[in-house]
C-alpha atoms as a PDB file:
ATOM      1  CA  UNK A   1     167.534 143.176 153.537  1.00  0.00           C
ATOM      2  CA  UNK A   2     168.420 143.200 149.825  1.00  0.00           C
ATOM      3  CA  UNK A   3     170.097 146.584 150.323  1.00  0.00           C
ATOM      4  CA  UNK A   4     172.328 145.114 153.035  1.00  0.00           C
ATOM      5  CA  UNK A   5     173.429 142.334 150.679  1.00  0.00           C
ATOM      6  CA  UNK A   6     174.396 144.937 148.027  1.00  0.00           C
ATOM      7  CA  UNK A   7     176.443 146.883 150.584  1.00  0.00           C
ATOM      8  CA  UNK A   8     178.145 143.655 151.666  1.00  0.00           C
ATOM      9  CA  UNK A   9     179.265 142.845 148.102  1.00  0.00           C
ATOM     10  CA  UNK A  10     180.426 146.416 147.479  1.00  0.00           C
ATOM     11  CA  UNK A  11     182.453 146.743 150.662  1.00  0.00           C
ATOM     12  CA  UNK A  12     184.040 143.302 150.421  1.00  0.00           C
ATOM     13  CA  UNK A  13     184.787 143.741 146.699  1.00  0.00           C
ATOM     14  CA  UNK A  14     186.663 146.973 147.386  1.00  0.00           C
ATOM     15  CA  UNK A  15     188.606 145.505 150.291  1.00  0.00           C
ATOM     16  CA  UNK A  16     186.930 147.718 152.848  1.00  0.00           C
ATOM     17  CA  UNK A  17     186.106 144.832 155.205  1.00  0.00           C
ATOM     18  CA  UNK A  18     188.056 141.854 156.292  1.00  0.00           C
ATOM     19  CA  UNK A  19     186.303 138.540 156.770  1.00  0.00           C
ATOM     20  CA  UNK A  20     186.118 139.049 160.561  1.00  0.00           C
ATOM     21  CA  UNK A  21     184.818 142.594 160.257  1.00  0.00           C
ATOM     22  CA  UNK A  22     182.347 141.478 157.609  1.00  0.00           C
ATOM     23  CA  UNK A  23     180.751 138.944 159.941  1.00  0.00           C
ATOM     24  CA  UNK A  24     180.425 141.351 162.945  1.00  0.00           C
ATOM     25  CA  UNK A  25     179.376 144.447 161.011  1.00  0.00           C
ATOM     26  CA  UNK A  26     176.739 142.895 158.822  1.00  0.00           C
ATOM     27  CA  UNK A  27     175.362 140.787 161.684  1.00  0.00           C
ATOM     28  CA  UNK A  28     174.912 144.023 163.643  1.00  0.00           C
ATOM     29  CA  UNK A  29     173.195 145.729 160.701  1.00  0.00           C
ATOM     30  CA  UNK A  30     170.847 142.784 160.193  1.00  0.00           C
ATOM     31  CA  UNK A  31     169.928 142.728 163.906  1.00  0.00           C
ATOM     32  CA  UNK A  32     169.216 146.472 163.883  1.00  0.00           C
ATOM     33  CA  UNK A  33     167.039 146.221 160.789  1.00  0.00           C
ATOM     34  CA  UNK A  34     165.117 143.304 162.309  1.00  0.00           C
ATOM     35  CA  UNK A  35     164.437 145.308 165.472  1.00  0.00           C
ATOM     36  CA  UNK A  36     163.258 148.339 163.482  1.00  0.00           C
ATOM     37  CA  UNK A  37     161.040 146.165 161.310  1.00  0.00           C
ATOM     38  CA  UNK A  38     159.484 144.477 164.367  1.00  0.00           C
ATOM     39  CA  UNK A  39     158.779 147.887 165.928  1.00  0.00           C
ATOM     40  CA  UNK A  40     157.070 149.133 162.759  1.00  0.00           C
ATOM     41  CA  UNK A  41     154.884 146.014 162.612  1.00  0.00           C
ATOM     42  CA  UNK A  42     153.885 146.414 166.280  1.00  0.00           C
ATOM     43  CA  UNK A  43     152.906 150.045 165.710  1.00  0.00           C
ATOM     44  CA  UNK A  44     150.840 149.117 162.679  1.00  0.00           C
ATOM     45  CA  UNK A  45     148.955 146.431 164.601  1.00  0.00           C
ATOM     46  CA  UNK A  46     148.234 148.723 167.567  1.00  0.00           C
ATOM     47  CA  UNK A  47     146.500 151.329 165.413  1.00  0.00           C
ATOM     48  CA  UNK A  48     147.332 154.958 164.675  1.00  0.00           C
ATOM     49  CA  UNK A  49     149.083 156.942 167.367  1.00  0.00           C
ATOM     50  CA  UNK A  50     147.550 160.237 168.568  1.00  0.00           C
ATOM     51  CA  UNK A  51     149.176 163.291 167.055  1.00  0.00           C
ATOM     52  CA  UNK A  52     149.212 165.222 170.340  1.00  0.00           C
ATOM     53  CA  UNK A  53     147.858 165.319 173.863  1.00  0.00           C
ATOM     54  CA  UNK A  54     144.643 167.015 172.705  1.00  0.00           C
ATOM     55  CA  UNK A  55     143.689 164.218 170.327  1.00  0.00           C
ATOM     56  CA  UNK A  56     140.573 162.131 170.896  1.00  0.00           C
ATOM     57  CA  UNK A  57     140.407 160.483 174.317  1.00  0.00           C
ATOM     58  CA  UNK A  58     138.357 157.381 175.158  1.00  0.00           C
ATOM     59  CA  UNK A  59     134.866 158.280 176.412  1.00  0.00           C
ATOM     60  CA  UNK A  60     134.604 158.749 180.143  1.00  0.00           C
ATOM     61  CA  UNK A  61     132.282 156.615 182.248  1.00  0.00           C
ATOM     62  CA  UNK A  62     128.763 157.951 182.588  1.00  0.00           C
ATOM     63  CA  UNK A  63     127.904 159.577 185.922  1.00  0.00           C
ATOM     64  CA  UNK A  64     126.741 157.124 188.560  1.00  0.00           C
ATOM     65  CA  UNK A  65     123.249 158.610 188.691  1.00  0.00           C
ATOM     66  CA  UNK A  66     122.638 157.455 185.103  1.00  0.00           C
ATOM     67  CA  UNK A  67     123.191 153.816 186.031  1.00  0.00           C
ATOM     68  CA  UNK A  68     120.009 152.356 187.552  1.00  0.00           C
ATOM     69  CA  UNK A  69     121.876 149.652 189.496  1.00  0.00           C
ATOM     70  CA  UNK A  70     123.788 152.069 191.749  1.00  0.00           C
ATOM     71  CA  UNK A  71     122.613 153.750 194.940  1.00  0.00           C
ATOM     72  CA  UNK A  72     122.325 157.087 193.154  1.00  0.00           C
ATOM     73  CA  UNK A  73     118.842 158.296 192.121  1.00  0.00           C
ATOM     74  CA  UNK A  74     118.156 158.490 188.414  1.00  0.00           C
ATOM     75  CA  UNK A  75     117.412 161.915 186.908  1.00  0.00           C
ATOM     76  CA  UNK A  76     115.164 160.333 184.313  1.00  0.00           C
ATOM     77  CA  UNK A  77     111.989 158.348 185.069  1.00  0.00           C
ATOM     78  CA  UNK A  78     111.588 154.862 183.676  1.00  0.00           C
ATOM     79  CA  UNK A  79     110.207 155.001 180.120  1.00  0.00           C
ATOM     80  CA  UNK A  80     106.577 154.204 179.463  1.00  0.00           C
ATOM     81  CA  UNK A  81     106.060 150.472 179.091  1.00  0.00           C
ATOM     82  CA  UNK A  82     109.142 149.581 181.147  1.00  0.00           C
ATOM     83  CA  UNK A  83     108.618 146.103 182.687  1.00  0.00           C
ATOM     84  CA  UNK A  84     108.077 147.285 186.247  1.00  0.00           C
ATOM     85  CA  UNK A  85     105.668 146.219 188.959  1.00  0.00           C
ATOM     86  CA  UNK A  86     102.917 148.481 187.651  1.00  0.00           C
ATOM     87  CA  UNK A  87     102.542 146.358 184.535  1.00  0.00           C
ATOM     88  CA  UNK A  88     100.206 143.424 184.656  1.00  0.00           C
ATOM     89  CA  UNK A  89     101.901 140.102 185.340  1.00  0.00           C
ATOM     90  CA  UNK A  90     100.206 137.692 182.964  1.00  0.00           C
ATOM     91  CA  UNK A  91     101.014 134.581 184.985  1.00  0.00           C
ATOM     92  CA  UNK A  92     100.901 136.138 188.470  1.00  0.00           C
ATOM     93  CA  UNK A  93      97.776 136.291 190.660  1.00  0.00           C
ATOM     94  CA  UNK A  94      96.147 139.689 191.022  1.00  0.00           C
ATOM     95  CA  UNK A  95      95.908 140.911 194.599  1.00  0.00           C
ATOM     96  CA  UNK A  96      92.761 141.968 196.362  1.00  0.00           C
ATOM     97  CA  UNK A  97      92.711 145.690 197.031  1.00  0.00           C
ATOM     98  CA  UNK A  98      91.930 145.166 200.698  1.00  0.00           C
ATOM     99  CA  UNK A  99      95.014 142.937 201.096  1.00  0.00           C
ATOM    100  CA  UNK A 100      97.582 145.412 199.792  1.00  0.00           C
ATOM    101  CA  UNK A 101      96.212 148.926 200.342  1.00  0.00           C
ATOM    102  CA  UNK A 102      98.369 149.614 203.415  1.00  0.00           C
ATOM    103  CA  UNK A 103     101.256 148.213 205.422  1.00  0.00           C
ATOM    104  CA  UNK A 104      98.866 146.969 208.082  1.00  0.00           C
ATOM    105  CA  UNK A 105      96.683 145.303 205.446  1.00  0.00           C
ATOM    106  CA  UNK A 106      99.487 143.414 203.696  1.00  0.00           C
ATOM    107  CA  UNK A 107     101.181 142.286 206.928  1.00  0.00           C
ATOM    108  CA  UNK A 108      97.855 141.087 208.322  1.00  0.00           C
ATOM    109  CA  UNK A 109      97.160 139.188 205.079  1.00  0.00           C
ATOM    110  CA  UNK A 110     100.666 137.694 205.186  1.00  0.00           C
ATOM    111  CA  UNK A 111      99.806 136.020 208.501  1.00  0.00           C
ATOM    112  CA  UNK A 112      96.116 135.330 207.894  1.00  0.00           C
ATOM    113  CA  UNK A 113      96.069 133.649 204.460  1.00  0.00           C
ATOM    114  CA  UNK A 114      98.367 130.624 205.128  1.00  0.00           C
ATOM    115  CA  UNK A 115      96.985 130.081 208.644  1.00  0.00           C
ATOM    116  CA  UNK A 116      94.540 127.298 209.422  1.00  0.00           C
ATOM    117  CA  UNK A 117      93.827 124.135 211.357  1.00  0.00           C
ATOM    118  CA  UNK A 118      94.777 120.678 210.029  1.00  0.00           C
ATOM    119  CA  UNK A 119      92.747 119.713 206.970  1.00  0.00           C
ATOM    120  CA  UNK A 120      91.808 123.273 205.994  1.00  0.00           C
ATOM    121  CA  UNK A 121      92.579 124.402 202.435  1.00  0.00           C
ATOM    122  CA  UNK A 122      94.380 127.696 201.820  1.00  0.00           C
ATOM    123  CA  UNK A 123      94.145 130.187 198.980  1.00  0.00           C
ATOM    124  CA  UNK A 124      97.760 130.036 197.824  1.00  0.00           C
ATOM    125  CA  UNK A 125      97.117 132.210 194.787  1.00  0.00           C
ATOM    126  CA  UNK A 126      95.925 134.977 197.078  1.00  0.00           C
ATOM    127  CA  UNK A 127      99.014 134.465 199.230  1.00  0.00           C
ATOM    128  CA  UNK A 128     101.332 134.697 196.212  1.00  0.00           C
ATOM    129  CA  UNK A 129      99.640 137.932 195.098  1.00  0.00           C
ATOM    130  CA  UNK A 130     101.091 139.712 198.128  1.00  0.00           C
ATOM    131  CA  UNK A 131     104.633 139.205 196.807  1.00  0.00           C
ATOM    132  CA  UNK A 132     106.615 140.412 193.840  1.00  0.00           C
ATOM    133  CA  UNK A 133     107.062 137.507 191.393  1.00  0.00           C
ATOM    134  CA  UNK A 134     110.768 137.255 192.233  1.00  0.00           C
ATOM    135  CA  UNK A 135     110.378 137.684 196.007  1.00  0.00           C
ATOM    136  CA  UNK A 136     112.351 135.372 198.267  1.00  0.00           C
ATOM    137  CA  UNK A 137     111.792 133.783 201.655  1.00  0.00           C
ATOM    138  CA  UNK A 138     115.081 133.807 203.558  1.00  0.00           C
ATOM    139  CA  UNK A 139     115.295 131.798 206.797  1.00  0.00           C
ATOM    140  CA  UNK A 140     118.456 132.031 208.883  1.00  0.00           C
ATOM    141  CA  UNK A 141     119.904 128.735 210.095  1.00  0.00           C
ATOM    142  CA  UNK A 142     122.632 127.749 212.549  1.00  0.00           C
ATOM    143  CA  UNK A 143     125.442 125.686 211.084  1.00  0.00           C
ATOM    144  CA  UNK A 144     127.404 122.867 212.732  1.00  0.00           C
ATOM    145  CA  UNK A 145     130.354 125.159 213.487  1.00  0.00           C
ATOM    146  CA  UNK A 146     128.446 127.565 215.701  1.00  0.00           C
ATOM    147  CA  UNK A 147     127.949 130.087 212.924  1.00  0.00           C
ATOM    148  CA  UNK A 148     124.987 130.940 210.738  1.00  0.00           C
ATOM    149  CA  UNK A 149     123.834 130.518 207.161  1.00  0.00           C
ATOM    150  CA  UNK A 150     120.811 131.491 205.077  1.00  0.00           C
ATOM    151  CA  UNK A 151     118.583 129.755 202.562  1.00  0.00           C
ATOM    152  CA  UNK A 152     117.174 131.688 199.582  1.00  0.00           C
ATOM    153  CA  UNK A 153     113.792 130.275 198.585  1.00  0.00           C
ATOM    154  CA  UNK A 154     111.751 131.882 195.764  1.00  0.00           C
ATOM    155  CA  UNK A 155     108.175 132.516 196.857  1.00  0.00           C
ATOM    156  CA  UNK A 156     106.766 130.060 194.305  1.00  0.00           C
ATOM    157  CA  UNK A 157     109.079 127.314 195.552  1.00  0.00           C
ATOM    158  CA  UNK A 158     108.264 128.154 199.167  1.00  0.00           C
ATOM    159  CA  UNK A 159     104.541 127.650 198.521  1.00  0.00           C
ATOM    160  CA  UNK A 160     105.208 124.405 196.657  1.00  0.00           C
ATOM    161  CA  UNK A 161     107.353 123.066 199.511  1.00  0.00           C
ATOM    162  CA  UNK A 162     105.023 124.010 202.365  1.00  0.00           C
ATOM    163  CA  UNK A 163     101.396 123.918 201.216  1.00  0.00           C
ATOM    164  CA  UNK A 164     100.861 120.200 201.926  1.00  0.00           C
ATOM    165  CA  UNK A 165     102.680 120.457 205.252  1.00  0.00           C
ATOM    166  CA  UNK A 166     100.615 123.467 206.353  1.00  0.00           C
ATOM    167  CA  UNK A 167      97.306 121.979 205.254  1.00  0.00           C
ATOM    168  CA  UNK A 168      97.921 118.500 206.657  1.00  0.00           C
ATOM    169  CA  UNK A 169      99.579 119.323 209.973  1.00  0.00           C
ATOM    170  CA  UNK A 170      98.064 122.718 210.629  1.00  0.00           C
ATOM    171  CA  UNK A 171      99.898 126.016 210.787  1.00  0.00           C
ATOM    172  CA  UNK A 172      99.003 129.222 212.579  1.00  0.00           C
ATOM    173  CA  UNK A 173     101.422 132.120 212.854  1.00  0.00           C
ATOM    174  CA  UNK A 174     100.243 134.962 215.081  1.00  0.00           C
ATOM    175  CA  UNK A 175     101.888 138.373 215.109  1.00  0.00           C
ATOM    176  CA  UNK A 176     102.422 139.614 218.666  1.00  0.00           C
ATOM    177  CA  UNK A 177     104.550 142.734 218.110  1.00  0.00           C
ATOM    178  CA  UNK A 178     105.387 145.026 215.207  1.00  0.00           C
ATOM    179  CA  UNK A 179     107.800 147.857 214.508  1.00  0.00           C
ATOM    180  CA  UNK A 180     107.632 149.706 211.178  1.00  0.00           C
ATOM    181  CA  UNK A 181     110.235 151.958 209.540  1.00  0.00           C
ATOM    182  CA  UNK A 182     109.432 153.689 206.246  1.00  0.00           C
ATOM    183  CA  UNK A 183     111.172 155.955 203.759  1.00  0.00           C
ATOM    184  CA  UNK A 184     110.012 156.897 200.276  1.00  0.00           C
ATOM    185  CA  UNK A 185     108.911 153.758 198.439  1.00  0.00           C
ATOM    186  CA  UNK A 186     110.296 151.293 200.977  1.00  0.00           C
ATOM    187  CA  UNK A 187     109.349 149.951 204.390  1.00  0.00           C
ATOM    188  CA  UNK A 188     110.786 147.417 206.791  1.00  0.00           C
ATOM    189  CA  UNK A 189     108.501 145.652 209.232  1.00  0.00           C
ATOM    190  CA  UNK A 190     110.122 144.033 212.278  1.00  0.00           C
ATOM    191  CA  UNK A 191     107.408 141.530 213.168  1.00  0.00           C
ATOM    192  CA  UNK A 192     107.531 139.136 216.124  1.00  0.00           C
ATOM    193  CA  UNK A 193     105.461 135.973 215.683  1.00  0.00           C
ATOM    194  CA  UNK A 194     104.357 132.858 217.538  1.00  0.00           C
ATOM    195  CA  UNK A 195     103.716 129.551 215.721  1.00  0.00           C
ATOM    196  CA  UNK A 196     101.083 126.966 216.626  1.00  0.00           C
ATOM    197  CA  UNK A 197      99.619 123.950 214.859  1.00  0.00           C
ATOM    198  CA  UNK A 198      96.050 124.969 215.661  1.00  0.00           C
ATOM    199  CA  UNK A 199      94.103 127.637 217.488  1.00  0.00           C
ATOM    200  CA  UNK A 200      93.534 125.406 220.534  1.00  0.00           C
ATOM    201  CA  UNK A 201      97.211 125.237 221.472  1.00  0.00           C
ATOM    202  CA  UNK A 202      97.871 127.468 224.436  1.00  0.00           C
ATOM    203  CA  UNK A 203     101.622 127.793 224.033  1.00  0.00           C
ATOM    204  CA  UNK A 204     103.494 128.277 220.736  1.00  0.00           C
ATOM    205  CA  UNK A 205     105.918 125.596 219.637  1.00  0.00           C
ATOM    206  CA  UNK A 206     108.280 128.233 218.237  1.00  0.00           C
ATOM    207  CA  UNK A 207     108.713 132.003 218.199  1.00  0.00           C
ATOM    208  CA  UNK A 208     110.779 134.274 216.004  1.00  0.00           C
ATOM    209  CA  UNK A 209     111.081 137.592 214.208  1.00  0.00           C
ATOM    210  CA  UNK A 210     110.216 138.272 210.571  1.00  0.00           C
ATOM    211  CA  UNK A 211     111.999 141.133 208.826  1.00  0.00           C
ATOM    212  CA  UNK A 212     109.484 141.935 206.067  1.00  0.00           C
ATOM    213  CA  UNK A 213     110.741 144.178 203.254  1.00  0.00           C
ATOM    214  CA  UNK A 214     108.009 146.101 201.438  1.00  0.00           C
ATOM    215  CA  UNK A 215     107.753 148.265 198.328  1.00  0.00           C
ATOM    216  CA  UNK A 216     105.062 150.910 197.695  1.00  0.00           C
ATOM    217  CA  UNK A 217     104.029 150.986 194.021  1.00  0.00           C
ATOM    218  CA  UNK A 218     101.249 153.507 193.329  1.00  0.00           C
ATOM    219  CA  UNK A 219      98.228 152.397 195.378  1.00  0.00           C
ATOM    220  CA  UNK A 220      99.510 149.058 196.626  1.00  0.00           C
ATOM    221  CA  UNK A 221     102.257 147.472 198.678  1.00  0.00           C
ATOM    222  CA  UNK A 222     104.366 144.463 197.667  1.00  0.00           C
ATOM    223  CA  UNK A 223     106.369 142.064 199.804  1.00  0.00           C
ATOM    224  CA  UNK A 224     109.864 141.948 198.309  1.00  0.00           C
ATOM    225  CA  UNK A 225     111.547 139.590 200.799  1.00  0.00           C
ATOM    226  CA  UNK A 226     110.924 138.025 204.185  1.00  0.00           C
ATOM    227  CA  UNK A 227     114.042 137.364 206.270  1.00  0.00           C
ATOM    228  CA  UNK A 228     113.590 135.636 209.616  1.00  0.00           C
ATOM    229  CA  UNK A 229     115.243 133.871 212.511  1.00  0.00           C
ATOM    230  CA  UNK A 230     113.905 131.553 215.216  1.00  0.00           C
ATOM    231  CA  UNK A 231     114.154 131.920 218.952  1.00  0.00           C
ATOM    232  CA  UNK A 232     116.425 129.378 220.670  1.00  0.00           C
ATOM    233  CA  UNK A 233     117.578 128.930 224.280  1.00  0.00           C
ATOM    234  CA  UNK A 234     120.756 130.803 223.430  1.00  0.00           C
ATOM    235  CA  UNK A 235     119.024 133.379 221.236  1.00  0.00           C
ATOM    236  CA  UNK A 236     115.991 134.721 223.056  1.00  0.00           C
ATOM    237  CA  UNK A 237     113.822 137.530 221.707  1.00  0.00           C
ATOM    238  CA  UNK A 238     114.667 140.872 223.388  1.00  0.00           C
ATOM    239  CA  UNK A 239     111.966 142.439 225.541  1.00  0.00           C
ATOM    240  CA  UNK A 240     111.541 145.427 223.224  1.00  0.00           C
ATOM    241  CA  UNK A 241     110.266 143.099 220.489  1.00  0.00           C
ATOM    242  CA  UNK A 242     107.632 141.464 222.692  1.00  0.00           C
ATOM    243  CA  UNK A 243     104.237 142.673 223.918  1.00  0.00           C
ATOM    244  CA  UNK A 244     104.319 144.221 227.338  1.00  0.00           C
ATOM    245  CA  UNK A 245     104.125 141.583 230.037  1.00  0.00           C
ATOM    246  CA  UNK A 246     100.988 141.702 232.112  1.00  0.00           C
ATOM    247  CA  UNK A 247     101.870 142.104 235.806  1.00  0.00           C
ATOM    248  CA  UNK A 248     100.386 139.468 238.057  1.00  0.00           C
ATOM    249  CA  UNK A 249      96.960 140.573 239.314  1.00  0.00           C
ATOM    250  CA  UNK A 250      96.773 143.576 236.959  1.00  0.00           C
ATOM    251  CA  UNK A 251      93.714 144.201 234.838  1.00  0.00           C
ATOM    252  CA  UNK A 252      93.780 144.066 231.051  1.00  0.00           C
ATOM    253  CA  UNK A 253      93.246 147.831 230.905  1.00  0.00           C
ATOM    254  CA  UNK A 254      96.191 148.507 233.197  1.00  0.00           C
ATOM    255  CA  UNK A 255      98.457 146.168 231.254  1.00  0.00           C
ATOM    256  CA  UNK A 256      97.582 147.809 227.937  1.00  0.00           C
ATOM    257  CA  UNK A 257      98.101 151.307 229.274  1.00  0.00           C
ATOM    258  CA  UNK A 258      94.482 152.320 228.694  1.00  0.00           C
ATOM    259  CA  UNK A 259      92.757 154.638 231.084  1.00  0.00           C
ATOM    260  CA  UNK A 260      90.345 152.744 233.388  1.00  0.00           C
ATOM    261  CA  UNK A 261      86.701 153.590 233.009  1.00  0.00           C
ATOM    262  CA  UNK A 262      85.392 156.003 235.625  1.00  0.00           C
ATOM    263  CA  UNK A 263      82.951 154.545 238.101  1.00  0.00           C
ATOM    264  CA  UNK A 264      79.434 156.011 237.896  1.00  0.00           C
ATOM    265  CA  UNK A 265      78.687 158.594 240.560  1.00  0.00           C
ATOM    266  CA  UNK A 266      76.363 157.530 243.318  1.00  0.00           C
ATOM    267  CA  UNK A 267      73.307 159.671 243.767  1.00  0.00           C
END
């Protein structure tokens, strides 16, 4: 800017510029210098420019298989000591081997442990041991607009909310049909149930289907989530998820599909 002032004095002193020309010319020079100065400052703030197209490029994203939260399998196993299910949970009940050694064992325990007549105590620590510590119980509910919604209840909260109700009023869920799909470490159990308040009730007060999500970790199974819906007049359980109906007058053996016992030969 000082250089422009010197040029102004020199040109005006030698009669090169008139007053009108002086105003337009030097205003233009000052504007140009301001623009160039602003550009230089912006470049300085943005950091050094690459010298060519082969200069350093920002690092590319890692392949998806290296990110454990994607659906791609990891090439590397979890490091020793990683906080997985195999590590002891200090504040979580330890499961009985017989409760978690197989899919049949853990599903049977899931129904058996909380069941009982009114006034009977339950072993809620044993029940909790079937689940991962962050497992959720997820009932589906109808909303007032004809749609549906879900509730996400942590297993600890579910026990806290229901233990007094189950023990005081009685609660007995009975599994009547099961379908199991497995792959690798995971399994899904499609389990149809009937609910009663006690063992003397002939008819259930409600029926539904539990979708039980399981994880196999070494020698035991864990319940990860239980997602279920209730039967209603407008939402009946399909026949394929119910035990085979016993035809009227048929024997138990015929209804179950078992071969009838052969009658002893007469001598």
